[in-house]
Amino acid sequence: MADPQAEHVSTGVTGAADPEEESGGQSEVLIVTGMSGAGRSTVGNALEDLDWYVVDNLPPQMLKPLLDLSLIGNSGLPRVAAITDVRGRDLFRQLPEVMRELRNRSDVRLVFLDASDEVLVRRFESVRRPHPLQGDGTLLDGIRLERERLQPIREASDIVIDTSAFNVHQLATQVSDLFSEEGSAKHTLTVMSFGFKYGVPTDTDFVADMRFLPNPFWIDELRPLTGEDAAVSEYVLGQPGAQEFIEAYEKAVSIALEGYQRENKSHSTIAIGCTGGKHRSVATAIELARRLSSHPGLAVRLKHRDRGRE
């Protein structure tokens, strides 16, 4: 990974003035970490496709020099992503301390990639490679040790992406949704419908249960339709309590979103569920996203996780 040009620029930093004083503007910095096998390489490639400058397998101790380089005026590094993980061995243990220091100097976001143990085992077995912490134990031993070590880092992350249900193309799309240019938006909000029978999303900040409304599934003419169809939407949103719930939920979520923006949390997810993720949750998610789209500083994205899955 040695780049003669990069080495020359790095050498120029030594003994120079404070990079923040020379900066032509604040850089956007992502630190990407997480479980081995959760998709760090895919995320790195997707970020590169979005014109981020990506550095892989960087020890935490090198994050500060990288940030200094990005802050130098005309450096050509307005958006920098660094991937750091347990491959750094004992050096990786200092990530929490380094992150605290970086957060005091710049707007740095920590992205954590996760997946279930079962999915991680399947991915490692498919490529026939050992887990970096496996040692003389089993693959599952390595995964559980890594999860234990990374738990404090996961809890301190700004964005957690559970990749269990994603293939590489879906994960790349998710990265594009999260980290493409958002203009003047201070916060990206994903409103996602889902079906409880397929499991509650793990990478979400709020969960709403719409199963208190009558299910259109039991109406013959509505059963083959989805919440995107006007007939289903009118039926769901016209039920007693539906509009009152959405209005109250919008107000409650808005308070939290304003707090997130004050705390520099840049992304959050609202998951709206019903039994199958086809009718009630879809109609409600669309209506809630419509309402929240008018809030200043928000870039609202709509996603239907389980629509068409039945």
Protein backbone atom coordinates (compact mmCIF):
# COMPACT_ATOMS: atom_id res chain seq x y z
CA MET A 1 0.00 0.00 0.00
CA ALA A 2 3.05 2.23 -0.04
CA ASP A 3 2.50 5.17 -2.34
CA PRO A 4 5.59 7.35 -3.02
CA GLN A 5 3.44 10.41 -3.52
CA ALA A 6 1.57 9.77 -0.25
CA GLU A 7 4.90 9.35 1.58
CA HIS A 8 6.10 12.69 0.22
CA VAL A 9 2.97 14.49 1.39
CA SER A 10 3.12 12.81 4.79
CA THR A 11 6.73 13.89 5.24
CA GLY A 12 5.69 17.47 4.53
CA VAL A 13 3.37 17.44 7.54
CA THR A 14 6.22 17.04 10.00
CA GLY A 15 7.25 20.34 11.52
CA ALA A 16 4.55 22.24 9.62
CA ALA A 17 1.98 24.60 11.07
CA ASP A 18 -1.16 23.22 12.66
CA PRO A 19 -3.05 21.49 9.83
CA GLU A 20 -6.33 22.89 11.11
CA GLU A 21 -4.98 26.41 10.60
CA GLU A 22 -4.10 25.61 6.98
CA SER A 23 -7.33 23.77 6.28
CA GLY A 24 -9.39 25.02 3.39
CA GLY A 25 -12.48 23.40 4.91
CA GLN A 26 -13.67 20.66 7.21
CA SER A 27 -13.18 17.14 5.89
CA GLU A 28 -15.78 14.43 6.33
CA VAL A 29 -14.20 11.46 8.12
CA LEU A 30 -15.56 7.94 8.61
CA ILE A 31 -13.94 5.26 10.75
CA VAL A 32 -15.24 1.86 9.64
CA THR A 33 -14.86 -1.14 11.94
CA GLY A 34 -16.85 -4.15 13.08
CA MET A 35 -16.99 -7.91 13.03
CA SER A 36 -14.71 -9.84 10.70
CA GLY A 37 -16.84 -11.14 7.84
CA ALA A 38 -19.48 -8.44 8.25
CA GLY A 39 -18.58 -6.74 4.97
CA ARG A 40 -15.82 -4.22 5.59
CA SER A 41 -14.24 -4.80 2.16
CA THR A 42 -17.59 -4.34 0.42
CA VAL A 43 -18.21 -1.12 2.34
CA GLY A 44 -14.73 0.15 1.48
CA ASN A 45 -15.25 -0.54 -2.23
CA ALA A 46 -18.66 1.13 -2.16
CA LEU A 47 -17.23 4.23 -0.48
CA GLU A 48 -14.49 4.42 -3.10
CA ASP A 49 -17.18 4.32 -5.79
CA LEU A 50 -18.76 7.33 -4.05
CA ASP A 51 -15.40 9.17 -4.35
CA TRP A 52 -14.28 8.71 -0.76
CA TYR A 53 -10.56 8.30 -0.11
CA VAL A 54 -10.40 4.88 1.59
CA VAL A 55 -7.53 3.41 3.61
CA ASP A 56 -7.85 -0.25 4.64
CA ASN A 57 -6.37 -2.04 7.66
CA LEU A 58 -5.12 1.16 9.28
CA PRO A 59 -3.90 0.90 12.90
CA PRO A 60 -5.84 3.31 15.16
CA GLN A 61 -2.60 5.14 15.98
CA MET A 62 -2.41 6.24 12.32
CA LEU A 63 -5.88 7.81 12.30
CA LYS A 64 -4.67 11.12 13.70
CA PRO A 65 -1.96 11.61 11.01
CA LEU A 66 -4.55 10.71 8.38
CA LEU A 67 -6.94 13.30 9.79
CA ASP A 68 -4.13 15.89 9.85
CA LEU A 69 -3.42 15.17 6.18
CA SER A 70 -7.08 15.55 5.23
CA LEU A 71 -7.27 18.93 6.98
CA ILE A 72 -4.42 20.47 4.98
CA GLY A 73 -5.77 22.96 2.47
CA ASN A 74 -5.95 21.70 -1.13
CA SER A 75 -5.11 18.17 0.01
CA GLY A 76 -7.81 16.80 -2.26
CA LEU A 77 -9.20 14.64 0.55
CA PRO A 78 -12.61 16.12 1.42
CA ARG A 79 -14.10 12.73 2.32
CA VAL A 80 -11.88 10.19 4.06
CA ALA A 81 -12.75 6.70 5.29
CA ALA A 82 -10.39 4.49 7.30
CA ILE A 83 -11.04 0.80 7.93
CA THR A 84 -9.55 -0.50 11.17
CA ASP A 85 -10.20 -3.83 12.86
CA VAL A 86 -8.78 -6.76 14.82
CA ARG A 87 -6.25 -7.46 12.07
CA GLY A 88 -4.28 -4.70 13.82
CA ARG A 89 -3.84 -7.09 16.78
CA ASP A 90 -2.83 -5.32 20.01
CA LEU A 91 -2.69 -1.95 18.22
CA PHE A 92 -6.45 -2.16 17.63
CA ARG A 93 -7.16 -2.11 21.37
CA GLN A 94 -6.40 1.63 21.43
CA LEU A 95 -9.28 2.53 19.09
CA PRO A 96 -11.63 3.84 21.85
CA GLU A 97 -8.92 6.13 23.21
CA VAL A 98 -8.00 7.37 19.72
CA MET A 99 -11.67 7.98 18.86
CA ARG A 100 -12.16 10.13 21.96
CA GLU A 101 -9.22 12.28 20.91
CA LEU A 102 -10.40 12.58 17.31
CA ARG A 103 -13.94 13.54 18.31
CA ASN A 104 -12.51 16.48 20.26
CA ARG A 105 -10.84 17.80 17.12
CA SER A 106 -13.16 17.10 14.22
CA ASP A 107 -16.50 15.73 13.08
CA VAL A 108 -15.61 12.04 12.92
CA ARG A 109 -18.22 9.28 12.62
CA LEU A 110 -17.70 5.69 13.69
CA VAL A 111 -19.46 3.05 11.58
CA PHE A 112 -19.80 -0.47 13.00
CA LEU A 113 -20.60 -3.46 10.78
CA ASP A 114 -22.26 -6.44 12.42
CA ALA A 115 -23.89 -9.75 11.51
CA SER A 116 -25.24 -12.73 13.38
CA ASP A 117 -22.88 -15.50 14.47
CA GLU A 118 -24.61 -17.96 12.12
CA VAL A 119 -24.12 -15.69 9.11
CA LEU A 120 -20.48 -15.00 9.99
CA VAL A 121 -19.75 -18.73 10.29
CA ARG A 122 -21.34 -19.35 6.91
CA ARG A 123 -19.33 -16.56 5.28
CA PHE A 124 -16.02 -17.76 6.71
CA GLU A 125 -16.75 -21.34 5.68
CA SER A 126 -17.59 -20.24 2.13
CA VAL A 127 -14.15 -18.62 1.68
CA ARG A 128 -12.34 -21.32 3.72
CA ARG A 129 -10.36 -18.86 5.80
CA PRO A 130 -9.77 -18.90 9.57
CA HIS A 131 -11.06 -16.16 11.83
CA PRO A 132 -8.23 -13.75 12.85
CA LEU A 133 -8.87 -14.49 16.56
CA GLN A 134 -9.55 -18.20 16.16
CA GLY A 135 -6.12 -19.43 17.24
CA ASP A 136 -6.29 -23.09 18.23
CA GLY A 137 -10.02 -22.89 18.87
CA THR A 138 -13.02 -23.17 16.60
CA LEU A 139 -14.33 -20.59 14.17
CA LEU A 140 -17.17 -19.81 16.56
CA ASP A 141 -14.68 -19.32 19.41
CA GLY A 142 -12.95 -16.59 17.37
CA ILE A 143 -16.24 -14.89 16.51
CA ARG A 144 -17.41 -14.85 20.12
CA LEU A 145 -14.07 -13.50 21.36
CA GLU A 146 -14.15 -10.73 18.77
CA ARG A 147 -17.75 -9.85 19.65
CA GLU A 148 -16.80 -9.58 23.33
CA ARG A 149 -13.85 -7.30 22.58
CA LEU A 150 -15.81 -5.09 20.20
CA GLN A 151 -18.95 -4.62 22.31
CA PRO A 152 -17.80 -1.29 23.87
CA ILE A 153 -16.86 -0.01 20.40
CA ARG A 154 -20.24 -1.03 18.99
CA GLU A 155 -22.02 0.82 21.80
CA ALA A 156 -20.01 3.98 21.07
CA SER A 157 -20.64 3.87 17.30
CA ASP A 158 -22.62 6.53 15.46
CA ILE A 159 -24.01 4.09 12.88
CA VAL A 160 -24.50 0.33 13.22
CA ILE A 161 -25.22 -1.65 10.06
CA ASP A 162 -26.41 -5.24 10.47
CA THR A 163 -25.42 -6.98 7.24
CA SER A 164 -26.92 -10.39 8.09
CA ALA A 165 -29.64 -10.15 5.46
CA PHE A 166 -27.55 -8.35 2.81
CA ASN A 167 -25.69 -9.72 -0.18
CA VAL A 168 -22.76 -7.65 -1.46
CA HIS A 169 -24.95 -5.68 -3.86
CA GLN A 170 -27.55 -4.84 -1.21
CA LEU A 171 -24.83 -3.75 1.21
CA ALA A 172 -23.28 -1.50 -1.45
CA THR A 173 -26.71 0.06 -2.02
CA GLN A 174 -27.10 0.63 1.71
CA VAL A 175 -23.72 2.40 1.81
CA SER A 176 -24.73 4.56 -1.14
CA ASP A 177 -27.98 5.48 0.61
CA LEU A 178 -26.14 6.47 3.78
CA PHE A 179 -23.02 8.20 2.51
CA SER A 180 -23.71 9.75 -0.87
CA GLU A 181 -23.91 13.53 -0.98
CA GLU A 182 -26.87 14.85 1.02
CA GLY A 183 -26.57 18.57 0.27
CA SER A 184 -27.37 20.70 3.31
CA ALA A 185 -29.05 17.91 5.30
CA LYS A 186 -27.72 17.57 8.85
CA HIS A 187 -29.30 14.20 9.49
CA THR A 188 -30.24 11.24 7.30
CA LEU A 189 -33.35 9.39 8.45
CA THR A 190 -34.38 6.00 7.10
CA VAL A 191 -38.04 5.06 7.55
CA MET A 192 -38.30 1.30 7.03
CA SER A 193 -41.31 -1.00 6.95
CA PHE A 194 -40.86 -4.63 8.01
CA GLY A 195 -42.73 -7.79 8.98
CA PHE A 196 -42.48 -9.11 12.52
CA LYS A 197 -42.67 -12.68 11.28
CA TYR A 198 -39.30 -12.13 9.55
CA GLY A 199 -37.68 -10.67 12.67
CA VAL A 200 -37.29 -7.20 14.15
CA PRO A 201 -34.43 -5.18 12.53
CA THR A 202 -31.43 -4.93 14.84
CA ASP A 203 -29.93 -1.76 13.34
CA THR A 204 -32.77 0.59 14.21
CA ASP A 205 -33.32 3.44 16.68
CA PHE A 206 -37.13 3.32 16.92
CA VAL A 207 -39.66 0.52 16.42
CA ALA A 208 -43.40 1.04 15.97
CA ASP A 209 -45.93 -1.80 15.94
CA MET A 210 -48.94 -1.27 13.65
CA ARG A 211 -50.60 -4.58 14.46
CA PHE A 212 -53.19 -2.72 16.54
CA LEU A 213 -54.89 -1.81 13.24
CA PRO A 214 -57.15 -4.23 11.31
CA ASN A 215 -55.19 -6.32 8.81
CA PRO A 216 -56.08 -5.75 5.12
CA PHE A 217 -54.90 -9.32 4.49
CA TRP A 218 -58.34 -10.54 5.54
CA ILE A 219 -60.09 -8.47 2.88
CA ASP A 220 -60.09 -10.41 -0.40
CA GLU A 221 -59.73 -7.41 -2.72
CA LEU A 222 -56.90 -5.88 -0.64
CA ARG A 223 -54.91 -9.05 0.05
CA PRO A 224 -52.87 -9.06 -3.21
CA LEU A 225 -52.13 -5.32 -2.95
CA THR A 226 -49.54 -3.54 -0.79
CA GLY A 227 -49.46 -0.42 1.34
CA GLU A 228 -48.22 1.46 -1.71
CA ASP A 229 -51.60 1.01 -3.39
CA ALA A 230 -54.16 3.75 -2.75
CA ALA A 231 -56.91 1.33 -1.72
CA VAL A 232 -54.77 -0.22 1.03
CA SER A 233 -53.38 3.13 2.16
CA GLU A 234 -56.85 4.65 2.46
CA TYR A 235 -58.09 1.61 4.39
CA VAL A 236 -55.15 1.55 6.83
CA LEU A 237 -54.89 5.29 7.44
CA GLY A 238 -58.66 5.60 7.73
CA GLN A 239 -58.89 3.22 10.68
CA PRO A 240 -59.70 4.62 14.14
CA GLY A 241 -56.48 5.64 15.88
CA ALA A 242 -54.26 5.47 12.80
CA GLN A 243 -53.87 9.20 12.14
CA GLU A 244 -53.71 9.98 15.86
CA PHE A 245 -50.90 7.46 16.32
CA ILE A 246 -48.90 8.76 13.37
CA GLU A 247 -49.28 12.36 14.48
CA ALA A 248 -48.21 11.57 18.06
CA TYR A 249 -45.33 9.38 16.85
CA GLU A 250 -44.10 12.11 14.51
CA LYS A 251 -44.00 14.59 17.41
CA ALA A 252 -42.15 12.17 19.70
CA VAL A 253 -39.61 11.21 17.03
CA SER A 254 -39.06 14.87 16.09
CA ILE A 255 -37.89 15.64 19.62
CA ALA A 256 -35.34 12.84 19.42
CA LEU A 257 -34.19 13.86 15.93
CA GLU A 258 -33.54 17.42 17.09
CA GLY A 259 -31.46 16.01 19.93
CA TYR A 260 -29.56 13.76 17.53
CA GLN A 261 -28.64 16.78 15.42
CA ARG A 262 -27.41 18.67 18.49
CA GLU A 263 -25.29 15.64 19.42
CA ASN A 264 -23.94 15.32 15.85
CA LYS A 265 -25.55 11.91 15.30
CA SER A 266 -25.86 11.90 11.53
CA HIS A 267 -28.14 8.93 10.82
CA SER A 268 -31.04 7.13 12.43
CA THR A 269 -33.63 4.53 11.45
CA ILE A 270 -37.32 4.20 12.25
CA ALA A 271 -38.72 0.69 11.76
CA ILE A 272 -42.48 0.38 11.25
CA GLY A 273 -43.74 -3.18 11.62
CA CYS A 274 -46.82 -5.26 10.98
CA THR A 275 -47.28 -9.02 10.63
CA GLY A 276 -45.90 -9.52 7.12
CA GLY A 277 -44.47 -6.13 6.18
CA LYS A 278 -46.83 -5.74 3.24
CA HIS A 279 -49.88 -3.65 4.13
CA ARG A 280 -50.12 -1.71 7.41
CA SER A 281 -46.42 -1.08 7.94
CA VAL A 282 -45.86 0.01 4.33
CA ALA A 283 -48.77 2.45 4.31
CA THR A 284 -47.74 3.90 7.68
CA ALA A 285 -44.07 4.21 6.74
CA ILE A 286 -44.98 6.11 3.58
CA GLU A 287 -47.19 8.52 5.51
CA LEU A 288 -44.66 9.05 8.29
CA ALA A 289 -41.83 9.63 5.79
CA ARG A 290 -44.02 12.15 3.96
CA ARG A 291 -44.63 14.09 7.16
CA LEU A 292 -41.01 14.01 8.32
CA SER A 293 -39.70 15.09 4.90
CA SER A 294 -40.92 18.62 5.64
CA HIS A 295 -38.71 18.92 8.73
CA PRO A 296 -35.65 21.16 8.19
CA GLY A 297 -32.21 19.54 8.16
CA LEU A 298 -33.54 16.04 7.42
CA ALA A 299 -32.87 13.86 4.39
CA VAL A 300 -35.56 11.17 4.59
CA ARG A 301 -35.20 7.81 2.85
CA LEU A 302 -37.95 5.21 2.54
CA LYS A 303 -37.27 1.47 2.54
CA HIS A 304 -39.61 -1.54 2.53
CA ARG A 305 -37.57 -4.47 3.87
CA ASP A 306 -40.06 -7.31 3.45
CA ARG A 307 -42.52 -6.14 0.82
CA GLY A 308 -42.93 -8.87 -1.80
CA ARG A 309 -41.28 -11.46 0.41
CA GLU A 310 -44.40 -13.55 1.06
